[in-house]
Amino acid sequence: MSDKRFPYPVRVHSPTSSLIVSTAWDAVEYLKRWPGKRGRDYRIALQHCLDALDGLRSPRTAQVSFVTAAKTAGLLL
């Protein structure tokens, strides 16, 4: 299983840290310790990132879902 690189890295910010997420694998690892609410956008992002790792979705689709979840949770500046 490869990392499935995103088209461009995404910088996420939480109250205690800042991180650059550049692959579907990085996104899944970040989603496991998600500092925001785990609502619908979170669940979609997690599923899309897992699907990208399995080759069922493109890394671009996973990235869009991850960015949407991060925006919803207020983790993007």
PDB file of N, CA and C in Angstrom:
ATOM      1  N   MET A   1       0.855  -1.178   0.000  1.00  0.00           N
ATOM      2  CA  MET A   1       0.000   0.000   0.000  1.00  0.00           C
ATOM      3  C   MET A   1       0.895   1.233   0.000  1.00  0.00           C
ATOM      4  N   SER A   2       0.692   2.121  -0.979  1.00  0.00           N
ATOM      5  CA  SER A   2       1.472   3.351  -1.010  1.00  0.00           C
ATOM      6  C   SER A   2       0.736   4.442  -0.244  1.00  0.00           C
ATOM      7  N   ASP A   3       1.407   5.543  -0.073  1.00  0.00           N
ATOM      8  CA  ASP A   3       0.842   6.633   0.722  1.00  0.00           C
ATOM      9  C   ASP A   3      -0.254   7.406   0.004  1.00  0.00           C
ATOM     10  N   LYS A   4      -0.321   7.342  -1.318  1.00  0.00           N
ATOM     11  CA  LYS A   4      -1.316   8.076  -2.112  1.00  0.00           C
ATOM     12  C   LYS A   4      -1.218   9.572  -1.840  1.00  0.00           C
ATOM     13  N   ARG A   5      -0.222  10.172  -2.440  1.00  0.00           N
ATOM     14  CA  ARG A   5       0.086  11.589  -2.238  1.00  0.00           C
ATOM     15  C   ARG A   5      -1.038  12.500  -2.724  1.00  0.00           C
ATOM     16  N   PHE A   6      -1.364  13.509  -1.898  1.00  0.00           N
ATOM     17  CA  PHE A   6      -2.328  14.538  -2.269  1.00  0.00           C
ATOM     18  C   PHE A   6      -1.712  15.438  -3.342  1.00  0.00           C
ATOM     19  N   PRO A   7      -2.541  16.082  -4.175  1.00  0.00           N
ATOM     20  CA  PRO A   7      -2.005  16.999  -5.184  1.00  0.00           C
ATOM     21  C   PRO A   7      -1.198  18.155  -4.565  1.00  0.00           C
ATOM     22  N   TYR A   8      -1.586  18.593  -3.382  1.00  0.00           N
ATOM     23  CA  TYR A   8      -0.824  19.610  -2.658  1.00  0.00           C
ATOM     24  C   TYR A   8      -1.029  19.380  -1.158  1.00  0.00           C
ATOM     25  N   PRO A   9      -0.048  19.743  -0.338  1.00  0.00           N
ATOM     26  CA  PRO A   9      -0.175  19.517   1.108  1.00  0.00           C
ATOM     27  C   PRO A   9      -1.211  20.447   1.744  1.00  0.00           C
ATOM     28  N   VAL A  10      -1.775  19.985   2.843  1.00  0.00           N
ATOM     29  CA  VAL A  10      -2.788  20.739   3.588  1.00  0.00           C
ATOM     30  C   VAL A  10      -2.241  20.983   4.992  1.00  0.00           C
ATOM     31  N   ARG A  11      -2.230  22.241   5.403  1.00  0.00           N
ATOM     32  CA  ARG A  11      -1.782  22.573   6.764  1.00  0.00           C
ATOM     33  C   ARG A  11      -2.997  22.687   7.667  1.00  0.00           C
ATOM     34  N   VAL A  12      -3.010  21.878   8.725  1.00  0.00           N
ATOM     35  CA  VAL A  12      -4.101  21.911   9.697  1.00  0.00           C
ATOM     36  C   VAL A  12      -3.567  22.440  11.021  1.00  0.00           C
ATOM     37  N   HIS A  13      -4.428  23.156  11.717  1.00  0.00           N
ATOM     38  CA  HIS A  13      -4.053  23.777  12.997  1.00  0.00           C
ATOM     39  C   HIS A  13      -5.051  23.374  14.058  1.00  0.00           C
ATOM     40  N   SER A  14      -4.543  22.963  15.195  1.00  0.00           N
ATOM     41  CA  SER A  14      -5.391  22.717  16.352  1.00  0.00           C
ATOM     42  C   SER A  14      -4.898  23.631  17.466  1.00  0.00           C
ATOM     43  N   PRO A  15      -5.603  23.684  18.569  1.00  0.00           N
ATOM     44  CA  PRO A  15      -5.155  24.560  19.656  1.00  0.00           C
ATOM     45  C   PRO A  15      -3.743  24.243  20.155  1.00  0.00           C
ATOM     46  N   THR A  16      -3.294  23.014  19.973  1.00  0.00           N
ATOM     47  CA  THR A  16      -1.985  22.633  20.518  1.00  0.00           C
ATOM     48  C   THR A  16      -0.914  22.355  19.472  1.00  0.00           C
ATOM     49  N   SER A  17      -1.274  22.315  18.179  1.00  0.00           N
ATOM     50  CA  SER A  17      -0.260  21.972  17.183  1.00  0.00           C
ATOM     51  C   SER A  17      -0.642  22.429  15.784  1.00  0.00           C
ATOM     52  N   SER A  18       0.327  22.306  14.900  1.00  0.00           N
ATOM     53  CA  SER A  18       0.136  22.571  13.486  1.00  0.00           C
ATOM     54  C   SER A  18       0.813  21.423  12.737  1.00  0.00           C
ATOM     55  N   LEU A  19       0.198  20.969  11.661  1.00  0.00           N
ATOM     56  CA  LEU A  19       0.712  19.807  10.953  1.00  0.00           C
ATOM     57  C   LEU A  19       0.442  19.948   9.470  1.00  0.00           C
ATOM     58  N   ILE A  20       1.360  19.444   8.653  1.00  0.00           N
ATOM     59  CA  ILE A  20       1.160  19.402   7.217  1.00  0.00           C
ATOM     60  C   ILE A  20       0.785  17.975   6.839  1.00  0.00           C
ATOM     61  N   VAL A  21      -0.356  17.834   6.179  1.00  0.00           N
ATOM     62  CA  VAL A  21      -0.867  16.537   5.744  1.00  0.00           C
ATOM     63  C   VAL A  21      -0.689  16.478   4.231  1.00  0.00           C
ATOM     64  N   SER A  22       0.110  15.528   3.748  1.00  0.00           N
ATOM     65  CA  SER A  22       0.393  15.492   2.314  1.00  0.00           C
ATOM     66  C   SER A  22       0.036  14.173   1.636  1.00  0.00           C
ATOM     67  N   THR A  23      -0.448  13.197   2.404  1.00  0.00           N
ATOM     68  CA  THR A  23      -0.852  11.917   1.818  1.00  0.00           C
ATOM     69  C   THR A  23      -2.141  11.434   2.473  1.00  0.00           C
ATOM     70  N   ALA A  24      -2.783  10.485   1.815  1.00  0.00           N
ATOM     71  CA  ALA A  24      -3.992   9.895   2.399  1.00  0.00           C
ATOM     72  C   ALA A  24      -3.661   9.196   3.708  1.00  0.00           C
ATOM     73  N   TRP A  25      -2.489   8.587   3.779  1.00  0.00           N
ATOM     74  CA  TRP A  25      -2.072   7.915   5.015  1.00  0.00           C
ATOM     75  C   TRP A  25      -1.914   8.922   6.153  1.00  0.00           C
ATOM     76  N   ASP A  26      -1.247  10.072   5.866  1.00  0.00           N
ATOM     77  CA  ASP A  26      -1.122  11.134   6.878  1.00  0.00           C
ATOM     78  C   ASP A  26      -2.503  11.584   7.355  1.00  0.00           C
ATOM     79  N   ALA A  27      -3.426  11.716   6.413  1.00  0.00           N
ATOM     80  CA  ALA A  27      -4.776  12.165   6.760  1.00  0.00           C
ATOM     81  C   ALA A  27      -5.471  11.164   7.670  1.00  0.00           C
ATOM     82  N   VAL A  28      -5.360   9.883   7.367  1.00  0.00           N
ATOM     83  CA  VAL A  28      -5.979   8.856   8.214  1.00  0.00           C
ATOM     84  C   VAL A  28      -5.384   8.909   9.620  1.00  0.00           C
ATOM     85  N   GLU A  29      -4.075   9.028   9.709  1.00  0.00           N
ATOM     86  CA  GLU A  29      -3.426   9.108  11.024  1.00  0.00           C
ATOM     87  C   GLU A  29      -3.903  10.334  11.799  1.00  0.00           C
ATOM     88  N   TYR A  30      -4.061  11.467  11.113  1.00  0.00           N
ATOM     89  CA  TYR A  30      -4.552  12.675  11.766  1.00  0.00           C
ATOM     90  C   TYR A  30      -6.021  12.515  12.177  1.00  0.00           C
ATOM     91  N   LEU A  31      -6.807  11.911  11.297  1.00  0.00           N
ATOM     92  CA  LEU A  31      -8.224  11.706  11.596  1.00  0.00           C
ATOM     93  C   LEU A  31      -8.422  10.793  12.810  1.00  0.00           C
ATOM     94  N   LYS A  32      -7.498   9.889  13.059  1.00  0.00           N
ATOM     95  CA  LYS A  32      -7.597   9.016  14.241  1.00  0.00           C
ATOM     96  C   LYS A  32      -7.528   9.803  15.545  1.00  0.00           C
ATOM     97  N   ARG A  33      -6.813  10.918  15.529  1.00  0.00           N
ATOM     98  CA  ARG A  33      -6.699  11.747  16.741  1.00  0.00           C
ATOM     99  C   ARG A  33      -7.300  13.139  16.510  1.00  0.00           C
ATOM    100  N   TRP A  34      -8.363  13.164  15.747  1.00  0.00           N
ATOM    101  CA  TRP A  34      -9.076  14.369  15.332  1.00  0.00           C
ATOM    102  C   TRP A  34      -9.451  15.227  16.526  1.00  0.00           C
ATOM    103  N   PRO A  35      -9.055  16.504  16.536  1.00  0.00           N
ATOM    104  CA  PRO A  35      -9.377  17.362  17.684  1.00  0.00           C
ATOM    105  C   PRO A  35     -10.760  18.003  17.623  1.00  0.00           C
ATOM    106  N   GLY A  36     -11.460  17.862  16.517  1.00  0.00           N
ATOM    107  CA  GLY A  36     -12.776  18.490  16.371  1.00  0.00           C
ATOM    108  C   GLY A  36     -13.900  17.481  16.530  1.00  0.00           C
ATOM    109  N   LYS A  37     -15.114  17.961  16.250  1.00  0.00           N
ATOM    110  CA  LYS A  37     -16.284  17.079  16.297  1.00  0.00           C
ATOM    111  C   LYS A  37     -16.188  16.048  15.181  1.00  0.00           C
ATOM    112  N   ARG A  38     -16.666  14.862  15.466  1.00  0.00           N
ATOM    113  CA  ARG A  38     -16.624  13.777  14.484  1.00  0.00           C
ATOM    114  C   ARG A  38     -18.002  13.605  13.852  1.00  0.00           C
ATOM    115  N   GLY A  39     -18.371  14.597  13.074  1.00  0.00           N
ATOM    116  CA  GLY A  39     -19.670  14.590  12.419  1.00  0.00           C
ATOM    117  C   GLY A  39     -19.611  13.969  11.039  1.00  0.00           C
ATOM    118  N   ARG A  40     -20.580  14.345  10.226  1.00  0.00           N
ATOM    119  CA  ARG A  40     -20.730  13.775   8.885  1.00  0.00           C
ATOM    120  C   ARG A  40     -19.496  14.021   8.016  1.00  0.00           C
ATOM    121  N   ASP A  41     -18.990  15.267   7.993  1.00  0.00           N
ATOM    122  CA  ASP A  41     -17.817  15.574   7.164  1.00  0.00           C
ATOM    123  C   ASP A  41     -16.595  14.772   7.604  1.00  0.00           C
ATOM    124  N   TYR A  42     -16.448  14.587   8.904  1.00  0.00           N
ATOM    125  CA  TYR A  42     -15.345  13.771   9.420  1.00  0.00           C
ATOM    126  C   TYR A  42     -15.468  12.337   8.907  1.00  0.00           C
ATOM    127  N   ARG A  43     -16.646  11.758   9.025  1.00  0.00           N
ATOM    128  CA  ARG A  43     -16.843  10.363   8.607  1.00  0.00           C
ATOM    129  C   ARG A  43     -16.599  10.180   7.110  1.00  0.00           C
ATOM    130  N   ILE A  44     -17.062  11.144   6.324  1.00  0.00           N
ATOM    131  CA  ILE A  44     -16.826  11.080   4.877  1.00  0.00           C
ATOM    132  C   ILE A  44     -15.333  11.171   4.579  1.00  0.00           C
ATOM    133  N   ALA A  45     -14.644  12.091   5.227  1.00  0.00           N
ATOM    134  CA  ALA A  45     -13.199  12.248   4.999  1.00  0.00           C
ATOM    135  C   ALA A  45     -12.452  10.966   5.352  1.00  0.00           C
ATOM    136  N   LEU A  46     -12.787  10.378   6.483  1.00  0.00           N
ATOM    137  CA  LEU A  46     -12.115   9.143   6.886  1.00  0.00           C
ATOM    138  C   LEU A  46     -12.355   8.036   5.855  1.00  0.00           C
ATOM    139  N   GLN A  47     -13.607   7.883   5.431  1.00  0.00           N
ATOM    140  CA  GLN A  47     -13.919   6.839   4.454  1.00  0.00           C
ATOM    141  C   GLN A  47     -13.217   7.093   3.122  1.00  0.00           C
ATOM    142  N   HIS A  48     -13.217   8.336   2.665  1.00  0.00           N
ATOM    143  CA  HIS A  48     -12.576   8.645   1.386  1.00  0.00           C
ATOM    144  C   HIS A  48     -11.066   8.440   1.448  1.00  0.00           C
ATOM    145  N   CYS A  49     -10.451   8.778   2.573  1.00  0.00           N
ATOM    146  CA  CYS A  49      -9.002   8.562   2.711  1.00  0.00           C
ATOM    147  C   CYS A  49      -8.681   7.069   2.758  1.00  0.00           C
ATOM    148  N   LEU A  50      -9.472   6.302   3.468  1.00  0.00           N
ATOM    149  CA  LEU A  50      -9.273   4.846   3.489  1.00  0.00           C
ATOM    150  C   LEU A  50      -9.494   4.259   2.096  1.00  0.00           C
ATOM    151  N   ASP A  51     -10.503   4.743   1.388  1.00  0.00           N
ATOM    152  CA  ASP A  51     -10.762   4.283   0.024  1.00  0.00           C
ATOM    153  C   ASP A  51      -9.596   4.627  -0.900  1.00  0.00           C
ATOM    154  N   ALA A  52      -9.000   5.793  -0.728  1.00  0.00           N
ATOM    155  CA  ALA A  52      -7.848   6.176  -1.547  1.00  0.00           C
ATOM    156  C   ALA A  52      -6.675   5.228  -1.300  1.00  0.00           C
ATOM    157  N   LEU A  53      -6.467   4.859  -0.052  1.00  0.00           N
ATOM    158  CA  LEU A  53      -5.385   3.918   0.260  1.00  0.00           C
ATOM    159  C   LEU A  53      -5.635   2.565  -0.388  1.00  0.00           C
ATOM    160  N   ASP A  54      -6.899   2.178  -0.520  1.00  0.00           N
ATOM    161  CA  ASP A  54      -7.258   0.903  -1.148  1.00  0.00           C
ATOM    162  C   ASP A  54      -7.368   1.006  -2.664  1.00  0.00           C
ATOM    163  N   GLY A  55      -7.181   2.217  -3.206  1.00  0.00           N
ATOM    164  CA  GLY A  55      -7.265   2.398  -4.646  1.00  0.00           C
ATOM    165  C   GLY A  55      -8.673   2.528  -5.182  1.00  0.00           C
ATOM    166  N   LEU A  56      -9.653   2.739  -4.299  1.00  0.00           N
ATOM    167  CA  LEU A  56     -11.046   2.856  -4.705  1.00  0.00           C
ATOM    168  C   LEU A  56     -11.452   4.290  -5.036  1.00  0.00           C
ATOM    169  N   ARG A  57     -10.694   5.252  -4.535  1.00  0.00           N
ATOM    170  CA  ARG A  57     -10.920   6.675  -4.810  1.00  0.00           C
ATOM    171  C   ARG A  57      -9.578   7.323  -5.106  1.00  0.00           C
ATOM    172  N   SER A  58      -9.642   8.461  -5.756  1.00  0.00           N
ATOM    173  CA  SER A  58      -8.405   9.179  -6.071  1.00  0.00           C
ATOM    174  C   SER A  58      -7.899   9.931  -4.835  1.00  0.00           C
ATOM    175  N   PRO A  59      -6.593  10.164  -4.753  1.00  0.00           N
ATOM    176  CA  PRO A  59      -6.068  10.992  -3.666  1.00  0.00           C
ATOM    177  C   PRO A  59      -6.687  12.395  -3.678  1.00  0.00           C
ATOM    178  N   ARG A  60      -7.019  12.902  -4.858  1.00  0.00           N
ATOM    179  CA  ARG A  60      -7.643  14.222  -4.974  1.00  0.00           C
ATOM    180  C   ARG A  60      -9.007  14.239  -4.274  1.00  0.00           C
ATOM    181  N   THR A  61      -9.806  13.219  -4.492  1.00  0.00           N
ATOM    182  CA  THR A  61     -11.113  13.133  -3.833  1.00  0.00           C
ATOM    183  C   THR A  61     -10.950  13.057  -2.321  1.00  0.00           C
ATOM    184  N   ALA A  62      -9.983  12.264  -1.875  1.00  0.00           N
ATOM    185  CA  ALA A  62      -9.712  12.147  -0.440  1.00  0.00           C
ATOM    186  C   ALA A  62      -9.288  13.489   0.136  1.00  0.00           C
ATOM    187  N   GLN A  63      -8.455  14.207  -0.605  1.00  0.00           N
ATOM    188  CA  GLN A  63      -7.986  15.506  -0.131  1.00  0.00           C
ATOM    189  C   GLN A  63      -9.140  16.499  -0.018  1.00  0.00           C
ATOM    190  N   VAL A  64     -10.005  16.533  -1.006  1.00  0.00           N
ATOM    191  CA  VAL A  64     -11.145  17.451  -0.965  1.00  0.00           C
ATOM    192  C   VAL A  64     -12.018  17.152   0.256  1.00  0.00           C
ATOM    193  N   SER A  65     -12.259  15.894   0.521  1.00  0.00           N
ATOM    194  CA  SER A  65     -13.066  15.513   1.687  1.00  0.00           C
ATOM    195  C   SER A  65     -12.363  15.884   2.990  1.00  0.00           C
ATOM    196  N   PHE A  66     -11.056  15.678   3.046  1.00  0.00           N
ATOM    197  CA  PHE A  66     -10.282  16.022   4.237  1.00  0.00           C
ATOM    198  C   PHE A  66     -10.320  17.529   4.478  1.00  0.00           C
ATOM    199  N   VAL A  67     -10.142  18.318   3.433  1.00  0.00           N
ATOM    200  CA  VAL A  67     -10.178  19.778   3.565  1.00  0.00           C
ATOM    201  C   VAL A  67     -11.563  20.234   4.026  1.00  0.00           C
ATOM    202  N   THR A  68     -12.607  19.645   3.484  1.00  0.00           N
ATOM    203  CA  THR A  68     -13.967  19.996   3.897  1.00  0.00           C
ATOM    204  C   THR A  68     -14.165  19.714   5.386  1.00  0.00           C
ATOM    205  N   ALA A  69     -13.707  18.557   5.848  1.00  0.00           N
ATOM    206  CA  ALA A  69     -13.832  18.215   7.272  1.00  0.00           C
ATOM    207  C   ALA A  69     -13.024  19.174   8.141  1.00  0.00           C
ATOM    208  N   ALA A  70     -11.822  19.506   7.687  1.00  0.00           N
ATOM    209  CA  ALA A  70     -10.972  20.422   8.460  1.00  0.00           C
ATOM    210  C   ALA A  70     -11.589  21.819   8.525  1.00  0.00           C
ATOM    211  N   LYS A  71     -12.167  22.275   7.432  1.00  0.00           N
ATOM    212  CA  LYS A  71     -12.841  23.578   7.427  1.00  0.00           C
ATOM    213  C   LYS A  71     -14.026  23.568   8.393  1.00  0.00           C
ATOM    214  N   THR A  72     -14.823  22.530   8.329  1.00  0.00           N
ATOM    215  CA  THR A  72     -15.994  22.402   9.194  1.00  0.00           C
ATOM    216  C   THR A  72     -15.582  22.435  10.666  1.00  0.00           C
ATOM    217  N   ALA A  73     -14.466  21.808  10.968  1.00  0.00           N
ATOM    218  CA  ALA A  73     -13.989  21.752  12.356  1.00  0.00           C
ATOM    219  C   ALA A  73     -13.188  22.970  12.766  1.00  0.00           C
ATOM    220  N   GLY A  74     -12.966  23.905  11.840  1.00  0.00           N
ATOM    221  CA  GLY A  74     -12.197  25.112  12.155  1.00  0.00           C
ATOM    222  C   GLY A  74     -10.717  24.868  12.294  1.00  0.00           C
ATOM    223  N   LEU A  75     -10.196  23.891  11.555  1.00  0.00           N
ATOM    224  CA  LEU A  75      -8.787  23.535  11.667  1.00  0.00           C
ATOM    225  C   LEU A  75      -7.910  24.104  10.544  1.00  0.00           C
ATOM    226  N   LEU A  76      -8.518  24.870   9.650  1.00  0.00           N
ATOM    227  CA  LEU A  76      -7.759  25.547   8.594  1.00  0.00           C
ATOM    228  C   LEU A  76      -7.755  27.034   8.875  1.00  0.00           C
ATOM    229  N   LEU A  77      -6.652  27.668   8.577  1.00  0.00           N
ATOM    230  CA  LEU A  77      -6.598  29.141   8.768  1.00  0.00           C
ATOM    231  C   LEU A  77      -7.042  29.849   7.519  1.00  0.00           C
TER     232      LEU A  77
END
